[in-house]
Amino acid sequence: MQNLKNQIQELDELLDLTHGQLNTEVRVAMKLKIAELKRQADQADALTQGKIASEALRLLASLLSVITNVITLLK
């Protein structure tokens, strides 16, 4: 469980580091989703942890996709 919480925290920190590359609506939506994942992780049993981890990975993939697209556009 602690590992899942750490991964979600790292995702939150990554979002903070890249906030300048995201518009406000996207950043707020991602912050809300991360907060929801943190709440779910606090209450999760072993079965639910896999689902939460999967959602966190999808959010990370979306964030990396946006960042990659922005970097490509800036070149």
Protein backbone atom coordinates (compact mmCIF):
# COMPACT_ATOMS: atom_id res chain seq x y z
CA MET A 1 0.00 0.00 0.00
CA GLN A 2 2.79 2.43 0.85
CA ASN A 3 4.38 1.78 -2.55
CA LEU A 4 1.12 2.77 -4.28
CA LYS A 5 0.91 5.96 -2.20
CA ASN A 6 4.51 6.80 -3.09
CA GLN A 7 3.82 6.32 -6.79
CA ILE A 8 0.79 8.60 -6.64
CA GLN A 9 2.85 11.20 -4.76
CA GLU A 10 5.55 11.04 -7.44
CA LEU A 11 2.89 11.54 -10.11
CA ASP A 12 1.68 14.62 -8.22
CA GLU A 13 5.25 15.96 -8.04
CA LEU A 14 5.76 15.35 -11.76
CA LEU A 15 2.60 17.30 -12.49
CA ASP A 16 3.90 20.17 -10.35
CA LEU A 17 7.19 20.16 -12.25
CA THR A 18 5.46 20.35 -15.63
CA HIS A 19 2.67 22.77 -14.75
CA GLY A 20 4.02 25.43 -17.11
CA GLN A 21 3.44 23.16 -20.09
CA LEU A 22 -0.22 22.52 -19.31
CA ASN A 23 -3.21 24.78 -19.55
CA THR A 24 -5.10 25.49 -16.36
CA GLU A 25 -8.08 23.23 -17.10
CA VAL A 26 -5.89 20.20 -17.79
CA ARG A 27 -3.77 20.82 -14.70
CA VAL A 28 -6.83 21.20 -12.46
CA ALA A 29 -8.43 18.05 -13.88
CA MET A 30 -5.24 16.07 -13.28
CA LYS A 31 -4.87 17.48 -9.75
CA LEU A 32 -8.45 16.43 -8.96
CA LYS A 33 -7.83 12.93 -10.31
CA ILE A 34 -4.62 12.60 -8.28
CA ALA A 35 -6.47 13.72 -5.14
CA GLU A 36 -9.15 11.11 -5.85
CA LEU A 37 -6.50 8.42 -6.30
CA LYS A 38 -4.90 9.41 -2.98
CA ARG A 39 -8.25 9.11 -1.19
CA GLN A 40 -8.93 5.75 -2.80
CA ALA A 41 -5.45 4.46 -1.91
CA ASP A 42 -6.06 5.30 1.75
CA GLN A 43 -9.17 3.11 1.78
CA ALA A 44 -8.11 0.40 -0.68
CA ASP A 45 -7.91 -3.29 -0.03
CA ALA A 46 -5.49 -5.50 -1.99
CA LEU A 47 -7.96 -6.07 -4.83
CA THR A 48 -8.69 -2.38 -5.32
CA GLN A 49 -5.00 -1.37 -5.21
CA GLY A 50 -4.43 -2.90 -8.66
CA LYS A 51 -7.26 -0.83 -10.13
CA ILE A 52 -5.93 2.35 -8.53
CA ALA A 53 -2.41 1.62 -9.79
CA SER A 54 -3.80 1.10 -13.28
CA GLU A 55 -5.62 4.44 -13.15
CA ALA A 56 -2.44 6.15 -11.94
CA LEU A 57 -0.49 4.66 -14.85
CA ARG A 58 -3.13 5.86 -17.34
CA LEU A 59 -2.89 9.35 -15.86
CA LEU A 60 0.90 9.23 -16.08
CA ALA A 61 0.68 8.13 -19.72
CA SER A 62 -1.65 11.05 -20.47
CA LEU A 63 0.66 13.51 -18.76
CA LEU A 64 3.71 12.21 -20.62
CA SER A 65 1.82 12.35 -23.91
CA VAL A 66 0.88 15.99 -23.35
CA ILE A 67 4.42 16.91 -22.36
CA THR A 68 5.87 15.10 -25.39
CA ASN A 69 3.43 16.88 -27.70
CA VAL A 70 4.29 20.28 -26.23
CA ILE A 71 8.02 19.64 -26.53
CA THR A 72 7.56 18.51 -30.14
CA LEU A 73 5.59 21.66 -30.95
CA LEU A 74 8.27 23.87 -29.40
CA LYS A 75 11.02 22.42 -31.59
